[in-house]
Amino acid sequence: MTEVKVLIPAVMSSSTNGERELEIEGNTVIEVIDALAEKYGEGFKNKVIDNNGKLKPIINVYVNDENIKFLEDLQTTLKDKDEILFLPAVSGG
């Protein structure tokens, strides 16, 4: 199994018991999200995945600084020591 580094911004860290940088195993982005849900409960997954199993439009996910929307989305394959950043969109007016 591939071990990756996951970075969680402060605004989302309530779903990971305040943890903002963690190591998790998963071969794809969705496997990492599922592993986070298993470890911390469904709260984190509900913040990033919609009812259809798709990434919510207000969430950007980067693997090694590349947006997964331009890769294979949630099926993006991961390598050992990859870095995943979950970043919610910021809006205001």
N, C-alpha and C. Protein backbone atom coordinates (compact mmCIF):
# COMPACT_ATOMS: atom_id res chain seq x y z
N MET A 1 0.85 -1.18 0.00
CA MET A 1 0.00 0.00 0.00
C MET A 1 0.89 1.24 0.00
N THR A 2 0.45 2.25 -0.68
CA THR A 2 1.19 3.50 -0.81
C THR A 2 0.91 4.41 0.38
N GLU A 3 1.96 5.00 0.96
CA GLU A 3 1.78 5.95 2.06
C GLU A 3 2.02 7.36 1.54
N VAL A 4 1.06 8.24 1.79
CA VAL A 4 1.15 9.62 1.31
C VAL A 4 0.99 10.59 2.48
N LYS A 5 1.44 11.80 2.25
CA LYS A 5 1.28 12.87 3.24
C LYS A 5 0.04 13.67 2.86
N VAL A 6 -0.84 13.87 3.82
CA VAL A 6 -2.08 14.61 3.59
C VAL A 6 -2.03 15.91 4.39
N LEU A 7 -2.30 17.02 3.70
CA LEU A 7 -2.33 18.34 4.33
C LEU A 7 -3.77 18.83 4.37
N ILE A 8 -4.21 19.19 5.57
CA ILE A 8 -5.58 19.64 5.79
C ILE A 8 -5.52 21.09 6.27
N PRO A 9 -6.21 22.02 5.60
CA PRO A 9 -6.22 23.40 6.08
C PRO A 9 -6.98 23.52 7.40
N ALA A 10 -6.67 24.55 8.16
CA ALA A 10 -7.29 24.76 9.47
C ALA A 10 -8.81 24.74 9.40
N VAL A 11 -9.37 25.33 8.35
CA VAL A 11 -10.82 25.43 8.22
C VAL A 11 -11.49 24.06 8.11
N MET A 12 -10.75 23.03 7.71
CA MET A 12 -11.31 21.68 7.58
C MET A 12 -10.83 20.73 8.68
N SER A 13 -9.94 21.18 9.53
CA SER A 13 -9.30 20.28 10.49
C SER A 13 -10.22 19.81 11.62
N SER A 14 -11.39 20.43 11.76
CA SER A 14 -12.33 19.93 12.78
C SER A 14 -12.78 18.51 12.44
N SER A 15 -12.70 18.14 11.17
CA SER A 15 -13.10 16.80 10.74
C SER A 15 -11.99 15.77 10.91
N THR A 16 -10.78 16.24 11.29
CA THR A 16 -9.66 15.32 11.50
C THR A 16 -9.09 15.49 12.91
N ASN A 17 -9.97 15.80 13.84
CA ASN A 17 -9.58 15.99 15.25
C ASN A 17 -8.46 17.01 15.42
N GLY A 18 -8.48 18.03 14.57
CA GLY A 18 -7.48 19.10 14.66
C GLY A 18 -6.17 18.79 13.98
N GLU A 19 -6.01 17.57 13.48
CA GLU A 19 -4.77 17.21 12.79
C GLU A 19 -4.75 17.86 11.41
N ARG A 20 -3.60 18.46 11.07
CA ARG A 20 -3.50 19.16 9.80
C ARG A 20 -2.48 18.55 8.85
N GLU A 21 -1.63 17.69 9.37
CA GLU A 21 -0.64 17.01 8.53
C GLU A 21 -0.56 15.57 9.00
N LEU A 22 -0.89 14.63 8.12
CA LEU A 22 -0.89 13.24 8.52
C LEU A 22 -0.40 12.33 7.40
N GLU A 23 0.00 11.15 7.79
CA GLU A 23 0.40 10.11 6.85
C GLU A 23 -0.76 9.12 6.78
N ILE A 24 -1.12 8.76 5.55
CA ILE A 24 -2.26 7.85 5.37
C ILE A 24 -1.91 6.93 4.20
N GLU A 25 -2.50 5.76 4.16
CA GLU A 25 -2.26 4.83 3.06
C GLU A 25 -3.42 4.87 2.08
N GLY A 26 -3.07 4.74 0.79
CA GLY A 26 -4.07 4.69 -0.27
C GLY A 26 -3.38 4.73 -1.62
N ASN A 27 -3.92 3.99 -2.57
CA ASN A 27 -3.34 3.96 -3.92
C ASN A 27 -3.93 5.00 -4.85
N THR A 28 -5.10 5.54 -4.49
CA THR A 28 -5.74 6.60 -5.27
C THR A 28 -6.27 7.66 -4.31
N VAL A 29 -6.65 8.80 -4.85
CA VAL A 29 -7.18 9.88 -4.01
C VAL A 29 -8.43 9.42 -3.27
N ILE A 30 -9.33 8.72 -3.95
CA ILE A 30 -10.56 8.28 -3.28
C ILE A 30 -10.25 7.27 -2.17
N GLU A 31 -9.23 6.44 -2.34
CA GLU A 31 -8.85 5.51 -1.27
C GLU A 31 -8.33 6.27 -0.05
N VAL A 32 -7.62 7.36 -0.28
CA VAL A 32 -7.14 8.19 0.83
C VAL A 32 -8.33 8.83 1.55
N ILE A 33 -9.29 9.34 0.79
CA ILE A 33 -10.49 9.94 1.39
C ILE A 33 -11.24 8.88 2.21
N ASP A 34 -11.37 7.68 1.66
CA ASP A 34 -12.04 6.60 2.40
C ASP A 34 -11.27 6.23 3.67
N ALA A 35 -9.93 6.23 3.59
CA ALA A 35 -9.11 5.92 4.76
C ALA A 35 -9.27 7.00 5.83
N LEU A 36 -9.37 8.26 5.40
CA LEU A 36 -9.60 9.35 6.35
C LEU A 36 -10.97 9.19 7.00
N ALA A 37 -11.98 8.79 6.22
CA ALA A 37 -13.32 8.58 6.77
C ALA A 37 -13.32 7.43 7.78
N GLU A 38 -12.55 6.39 7.48
CA GLU A 38 -12.46 5.26 8.40
C GLU A 38 -11.79 5.66 9.71
N LYS A 39 -10.77 6.50 9.60
CA LYS A 39 -10.02 6.91 10.79
C LYS A 39 -10.74 7.97 11.61
N TYR A 40 -11.39 8.93 10.94
CA TYR A 40 -11.98 10.08 11.63
C TYR A 40 -13.50 10.15 11.56
N GLY A 41 -14.13 9.25 10.85
CA GLY A 41 -15.57 9.31 10.68
C GLY A 41 -15.93 9.94 9.34
N GLU A 42 -17.19 9.90 9.01
CA GLU A 42 -17.67 10.35 7.70
C GLU A 42 -17.66 11.87 7.51
N GLY A 43 -17.43 12.63 8.58
CA GLY A 43 -17.48 14.09 8.48
C GLY A 43 -16.57 14.67 7.42
N PHE A 44 -15.33 14.19 7.36
CA PHE A 44 -14.39 14.71 6.36
C PHE A 44 -14.86 14.36 4.95
N LYS A 45 -15.24 13.11 4.76
CA LYS A 45 -15.69 12.67 3.43
C LYS A 45 -16.91 13.48 2.99
N ASN A 46 -17.83 13.73 3.92
CA ASN A 46 -19.02 14.51 3.58
C ASN A 46 -18.69 15.94 3.18
N LYS A 47 -17.56 16.45 3.66
CA LYS A 47 -17.15 17.81 3.28
C LYS A 47 -16.59 17.87 1.87
N VAL A 48 -16.04 16.76 1.37
CA VAL A 48 -15.37 16.81 0.07
C VAL A 48 -16.07 16.04 -1.04
N ILE A 49 -16.91 15.08 -0.69
CA ILE A 49 -17.58 14.24 -1.70
C ILE A 49 -19.08 14.49 -1.65
N ASP A 50 -19.71 14.66 -2.84
CA ASP A 50 -21.15 14.90 -2.89
C ASP A 50 -21.92 13.57 -2.84
N ASN A 51 -23.24 13.65 -2.91
CA ASN A 51 -24.09 12.45 -2.82
C ASN A 51 -23.94 11.51 -4.00
N ASN A 52 -23.35 12.00 -5.10
CA ASN A 52 -23.14 11.17 -6.28
C ASN A 52 -21.74 10.56 -6.33
N GLY A 53 -20.97 10.75 -5.26
CA GLY A 53 -19.62 10.20 -5.21
C GLY A 53 -18.59 11.02 -5.96
N LYS A 54 -18.94 12.25 -6.29
CA LYS A 54 -18.03 13.15 -7.01
C LYS A 54 -17.44 14.17 -6.05
N LEU A 55 -16.30 14.70 -6.42
CA LEU A 55 -15.68 15.76 -5.64
C LEU A 55 -16.57 17.00 -5.69
N LYS A 56 -16.84 17.59 -4.54
CA LYS A 56 -17.66 18.80 -4.51
C LYS A 56 -16.94 19.92 -5.25
N PRO A 57 -17.69 20.75 -6.00
CA PRO A 57 -17.06 21.82 -6.78
C PRO A 57 -16.34 22.87 -5.93
N ILE A 58 -16.68 22.97 -4.66
CA ILE A 58 -16.02 23.98 -3.81
C ILE A 58 -14.71 23.48 -3.21
N ILE A 59 -14.34 22.23 -3.53
CA ILE A 59 -13.11 21.64 -2.99
C ILE A 59 -12.12 21.42 -4.12
N ASN A 60 -10.90 21.86 -3.92
CA ASN A 60 -9.81 21.55 -4.84
C ASN A 60 -8.86 20.59 -4.13
N VAL A 61 -8.41 19.59 -4.86
CA VAL A 61 -7.46 18.63 -4.32
C VAL A 61 -6.24 18.64 -5.21
N TYR A 62 -5.08 18.76 -4.59
CA TYR A 62 -3.82 18.81 -5.32
C TYR A 62 -2.96 17.63 -4.91
N VAL A 63 -2.37 16.97 -5.90
CA VAL A 63 -1.36 15.94 -5.65
C VAL A 63 -0.06 16.50 -6.17
N ASN A 64 0.87 16.73 -5.27
CA ASN A 64 2.17 17.32 -5.63
C ASN A 64 1.98 18.60 -6.45
N ASP A 65 1.11 19.47 -5.98
CA ASP A 65 0.83 20.78 -6.58
C ASP A 65 0.07 20.73 -7.90
N GLU A 66 -0.44 19.56 -8.30
CA GLU A 66 -1.25 19.47 -9.52
C GLU A 66 -2.69 19.19 -9.13
N ASN A 67 -3.60 20.00 -9.66
CA ASN A 67 -5.03 19.83 -9.39
C ASN A 67 -5.50 18.51 -10.00
N ILE A 68 -6.16 17.67 -9.20
CA ILE A 68 -6.58 16.37 -9.70
C ILE A 68 -7.64 16.48 -10.80
N LYS A 69 -8.27 17.64 -10.93
CA LYS A 69 -9.24 17.84 -12.01
C LYS A 69 -8.56 17.72 -13.38
N PHE A 70 -7.25 17.96 -13.42
CA PHE A 70 -6.50 17.87 -14.66
C PHE A 70 -5.72 16.56 -14.75
N LEU A 71 -5.90 15.70 -13.78
CA LEU A 71 -5.28 14.38 -13.77
C LEU A 71 -6.40 13.36 -13.97
N GLU A 72 -6.55 12.44 -13.05
CA GLU A 72 -7.61 11.43 -13.16
C GLU A 72 -8.66 11.60 -12.07
N ASP A 73 -8.82 12.85 -11.62
CA ASP A 73 -9.80 13.20 -10.60
C ASP A 73 -9.63 12.28 -9.38
N LEU A 74 -10.68 11.74 -8.84
CA LEU A 74 -10.60 10.93 -7.62
C LEU A 74 -9.86 9.61 -7.84
N GLN A 75 -9.71 9.20 -9.09
CA GLN A 75 -9.00 7.95 -9.41
C GLN A 75 -7.51 8.19 -9.66
N THR A 76 -7.03 9.41 -9.42
CA THR A 76 -5.61 9.72 -9.61
C THR A 76 -4.77 8.74 -8.80
N THR A 77 -3.84 8.08 -9.47
CA THR A 77 -2.95 7.10 -8.84
C THR A 77 -1.87 7.82 -8.05
N LEU A 78 -1.59 7.30 -6.88
CA LEU A 78 -0.60 7.91 -5.99
C LEU A 78 0.65 7.05 -5.90
N LYS A 79 1.76 7.73 -5.61
CA LYS A 79 3.04 7.05 -5.38
C LYS A 79 3.46 7.31 -3.93
N ASP A 80 4.32 6.44 -3.42
CA ASP A 80 4.84 6.62 -2.08
C ASP A 80 5.39 8.03 -1.89
N LYS A 81 5.04 8.64 -0.78
CA LYS A 81 5.52 9.98 -0.38
C LYS A 81 4.89 11.12 -1.17
N ASP A 82 3.87 10.85 -2.00
CA ASP A 82 3.15 11.95 -2.64
C ASP A 82 2.54 12.82 -1.56
N GLU A 83 2.25 14.07 -1.92
CA GLU A 83 1.64 15.01 -0.99
C GLU A 83 0.28 15.43 -1.54
N ILE A 84 -0.75 15.28 -0.72
CA ILE A 84 -2.12 15.64 -1.11
C ILE A 84 -2.57 16.81 -0.26
N LEU A 85 -3.07 17.84 -0.92
CA LEU A 85 -3.58 19.02 -0.24
C LEU A 85 -5.06 19.17 -0.58
N PHE A 86 -5.89 19.25 0.44
CA PHE A 86 -7.32 19.53 0.28
C PHE A 86 -7.51 21.01 0.54
N LEU A 87 -8.11 21.72 -0.42
CA LEU A 87 -8.24 23.16 -0.29
C LEU A 87 -9.64 23.61 -0.68
N PRO A 88 -10.42 24.11 0.28
CA PRO A 88 -11.75 24.61 -0.06
C PRO A 88 -11.64 25.95 -0.77
N ALA A 89 -12.56 26.19 -1.69
CA ALA A 89 -12.59 27.47 -2.39
C ALA A 89 -12.97 28.57 -1.41
N VAL A 90 -12.41 29.73 -1.63
CA VAL A 90 -12.71 30.88 -0.80
C VAL A 90 -13.58 31.82 -1.61
N SER A 91 -14.66 32.27 -1.01
CA SER A 91 -15.52 33.21 -1.73
C SER A 91 -15.89 34.35 -0.79
N GLY A 92 -16.33 35.37 -1.36
CA GLY A 92 -16.72 36.52 -0.56
C GLY A 92 -17.20 37.63 -1.47
N GLY A 93 -17.51 38.73 -0.89
CA GLY A 93 -18.00 39.77 -1.76
C GLY A 93 -18.07 41.08 -1.14
